[in-house]
Amino acid sequence: MVNLSILISSSEVSGPGGLFDINATLPLVAIQFLILMVILNVLLYSPLLTIIEERKEYILGKLAKASEILSQANELTAQYEQELNSVRKEAQLEITNSQQIHKEILDIELNISQKYIDNLLETITEDLLDKKNTALNSLDTIVQSLCTEIENRLSI
């Protein structure tokens, strides 16, 4: 507290030369400040601002180009997806047609095989019937000859 009271008592204004003493140094400081601003503006701020502006234009150009490339990529993606869908539909149609054709071919071959087997069975059946009839006829003649032989032996 003592230090604070010493500080306040020493800062009291007792005449000219206080906190805001306006004399010839104030315009001189203002002129120095303006000259420093002009020098800094010419030497530092102008080149820095041009570099920043060039960088901004470069970034905006690259962003525009990137967005253009992205839109083209999206268009190509949509186009390729559409082509892929159409090709898938065509492939599915081809598969369906191929299955139908193979089914028809299989039905035709099955019918041909069935007719061949039916003809073969009919031929075999006719052949067996002919052999049966032949065997029965020959058996009939054998039985007749045996009957006559037995009769002959019995009549003796």
Protein backbone atom coordinates (compact mmCIF):
# COMPACT_ATOMS: atom_id res chain seq x y z
CA MET A 1 0.00 0.00 0.00
CA VAL A 2 2.89 2.30 0.70
CA ASN A 3 4.33 1.69 -2.77
CA LEU A 4 1.00 2.51 -4.35
CA SER A 5 0.72 5.82 -2.46
CA ILE A 6 4.28 6.73 -3.52
CA LEU A 7 3.45 5.96 -7.11
CA ILE A 8 0.28 8.08 -7.03
CA SER A 9 2.06 11.02 -5.34
CA SER A 10 4.92 10.96 -7.85
CA SER A 11 2.53 10.94 -10.83
CA GLU A 12 0.72 14.09 -9.84
CA VAL A 13 0.85 16.86 -12.43
CA SER A 14 2.53 19.97 -11.22
CA GLY A 15 2.60 22.16 -14.27
CA PRO A 16 3.71 21.59 -17.86
CA GLY A 17 5.05 18.23 -19.00
CA GLY A 18 2.18 16.11 -17.75
CA LEU A 19 0.58 13.10 -19.42
CA PHE A 20 -0.71 15.05 -22.43
CA ASP A 21 1.74 17.84 -23.02
CA ILE A 22 1.05 19.23 -26.49
CA ASN A 23 4.01 21.11 -27.93
CA ALA A 24 6.13 20.89 -31.10
CA THR A 25 7.08 17.21 -30.64
CA LEU A 26 3.53 15.97 -31.28
CA PRO A 27 3.41 17.06 -34.96
CA LEU A 28 6.93 15.70 -35.40
CA VAL A 29 5.92 12.29 -34.02
CA ALA A 30 2.83 12.32 -36.28
CA ILE A 31 4.98 13.09 -39.35
CA GLN A 32 7.44 10.32 -38.40
CA PHE A 33 4.50 7.90 -38.00
CA LEU A 34 3.10 8.83 -41.45
CA ILE A 35 6.53 8.49 -43.10
CA LEU A 36 6.99 5.10 -41.43
CA MET A 37 3.54 4.03 -42.67
CA VAL A 38 4.36 5.05 -46.25
CA ILE A 39 7.76 3.30 -46.16
CA LEU A 40 6.26 0.13 -44.67
CA ASN A 41 3.42 0.24 -47.18
CA VAL A 42 5.83 0.56 -50.13
CA LEU A 43 8.49 -1.89 -48.91
CA LEU A 44 6.53 -4.51 -46.99
CA TYR A 45 2.76 -4.37 -47.27
CA SER A 46 2.40 -3.86 -51.05
CA PRO A 47 4.59 -6.85 -52.08
CA LEU A 48 3.04 -8.94 -49.34
CA LEU A 49 -0.49 -8.03 -50.45
CA THR A 50 0.35 -8.77 -54.11
CA ILE A 51 1.78 -12.16 -53.15
CA ILE A 52 -1.30 -12.90 -51.04
CA GLU A 53 -3.57 -11.83 -53.93
CA GLU A 54 -1.63 -13.98 -56.41
CA ARG A 55 -1.85 -16.93 -54.05
CA LYS A 56 -5.59 -16.36 -53.63
CA GLU A 57 -6.07 -16.28 -57.42
CA TYR A 58 -3.93 -19.43 -57.78
CA ILE A 59 -5.99 -21.27 -55.16
CA LEU A 60 -9.28 -20.11 -56.68
CA GLY A 61 -8.10 -21.24 -60.12
CA LYS A 62 -7.09 -24.63 -58.80
CA LEU A 63 -10.39 -24.97 -56.94
CA ALA A 64 -12.34 -24.09 -60.09
CA LYS A 65 -10.31 -26.59 -62.10
CA ALA A 66 -10.79 -29.25 -59.41
CA SER A 67 -14.55 -28.66 -59.31
CA GLU A 68 -14.66 -28.90 -63.11
CA ILE A 69 -12.73 -32.17 -63.05
CA LEU A 70 -15.00 -33.45 -60.29
CA SER A 71 -18.11 -32.62 -62.30
CA GLN A 72 -16.61 -34.38 -65.33
CA ALA A 73 -15.80 -37.39 -63.17
CA ASN A 74 -19.37 -37.44 -61.88
CA GLU A 75 -20.70 -37.26 -65.43
CA LEU A 76 -18.41 -40.10 -66.52
CA THR A 77 -19.42 -42.14 -63.50
CA ALA A 78 -23.10 -41.66 -64.29
CA GLN A 79 -22.49 -42.51 -67.95
CA TYR A 80 -20.51 -45.66 -67.11
CA GLU A 81 -23.11 -46.76 -64.57
CA GLN A 82 -25.83 -46.34 -67.19
CA GLU A 83 -23.78 -48.30 -69.73
CA LEU A 84 -23.09 -50.98 -67.12
CA ASN A 85 -26.80 -51.30 -66.37
CA SER A 86 -27.65 -51.59 -70.06
CA VAL A 87 -24.91 -54.19 -70.58
CA ARG A 88 -26.18 -56.14 -67.56
CA LYS A 89 -29.71 -56.09 -68.99
CA GLU A 90 -28.41 -57.25 -72.37
CA ALA A 91 -26.37 -60.01 -70.75
CA GLN A 92 -29.37 -61.15 -68.72
CA LEU A 93 -31.47 -61.17 -71.91
CA GLU A 94 -28.77 -63.17 -73.71
CA ILE A 95 -28.62 -65.66 -70.84
CA THR A 96 -32.39 -66.05 -70.86
CA ASN A 97 -32.43 -66.53 -74.65
CA SER A 98 -29.57 -69.00 -74.44
CA GLN A 99 -31.34 -70.99 -71.72
CA GLN A 100 -34.53 -71.05 -73.79
CA ILE A 101 -32.65 -72.21 -76.90
CA HIS A 102 -30.84 -74.93 -74.94
CA LYS A 103 -34.12 -76.04 -73.42
CA GLU A 104 -35.70 -76.30 -76.86
CA ILE A 105 -32.66 -78.23 -78.15
CA LEU A 106 -32.86 -80.54 -75.15
CA ASP A 107 -36.59 -81.11 -75.74
CA ILE A 108 -35.95 -81.90 -79.41
CA GLU A 109 -33.11 -84.30 -78.55
CA LEU A 110 -35.26 -85.87 -75.83
CA ASN A 111 -38.11 -86.39 -78.30
CA ILE A 112 -35.73 -87.90 -80.86
CA SER A 113 -34.25 -90.19 -78.19
CA GLN A 114 -37.72 -91.17 -77.01
CA LYS A 115 -38.80 -92.00 -80.57
CA TYR A 116 -35.63 -94.00 -81.12
CA ILE A 117 -36.15 -95.93 -77.87
CA ASP A 118 -39.83 -96.50 -78.75
CA ASN A 119 -38.86 -97.79 -82.21
CA LEU A 120 -36.15 -99.97 -80.69
CA LEU A 121 -38.57 -101.40 -78.12
CA GLU A 122 -41.16 -102.01 -80.83
CA THR A 123 -38.58 -103.76 -83.00
CA ILE A 124 -37.35 -105.88 -80.09
CA THR A 125 -40.93 -106.73 -79.11
CA GLU A 126 -41.80 -107.74 -82.67
CA ASP A 127 -38.61 -109.78 -82.89
CA LEU A 128 -39.39 -111.51 -79.59
CA LEU A 129 -42.97 -112.16 -80.72
CA ASP A 130 -41.66 -113.63 -83.97
CA LYS A 131 -39.19 -115.81 -82.05
CA LYS A 132 -41.98 -116.83 -79.66
CA ASN A 133 -44.26 -117.72 -82.54
CA THR A 134 -41.43 -119.56 -84.24
CA ALA A 135 -40.60 -121.36 -81.00
CA LEU A 136 -44.26 -122.23 -80.44
CA ASN A 137 -44.65 -123.47 -84.01
CA SER A 138 -41.51 -125.55 -83.74
CA LEU A 139 -42.64 -126.76 -80.34
CA ASP A 140 -45.99 -127.62 -81.85
CA THR A 141 -44.36 -129.67 -84.56
CA ILE A 142 -42.10 -131.36 -82.02
CA VAL A 143 -45.08 -132.12 -79.79
CA GLN A 144 -46.98 -133.49 -82.78
CA SER A 145 -44.08 -135.67 -83.77
CA LEU A 146 -43.68 -136.87 -80.18
CA CYS A 147 -47.38 -137.61 -79.99
CA THR A 148 -47.27 -139.63 -83.16
CA GLU A 149 -44.19 -141.46 -81.96
CA ILE A 150 -45.82 -142.23 -78.63
CA GLU A 151 -48.92 -143.45 -80.42
CA ASN A 152 -46.80 -145.58 -82.62
CA ARG A 153 -45.00 -147.11 -79.72
CA LEU A 154 -48.18 -147.68 -77.81
CA SER A 155 -49.90 -149.33 -80.71
CA ILE A 156 -47.20 -151.83 -81.22
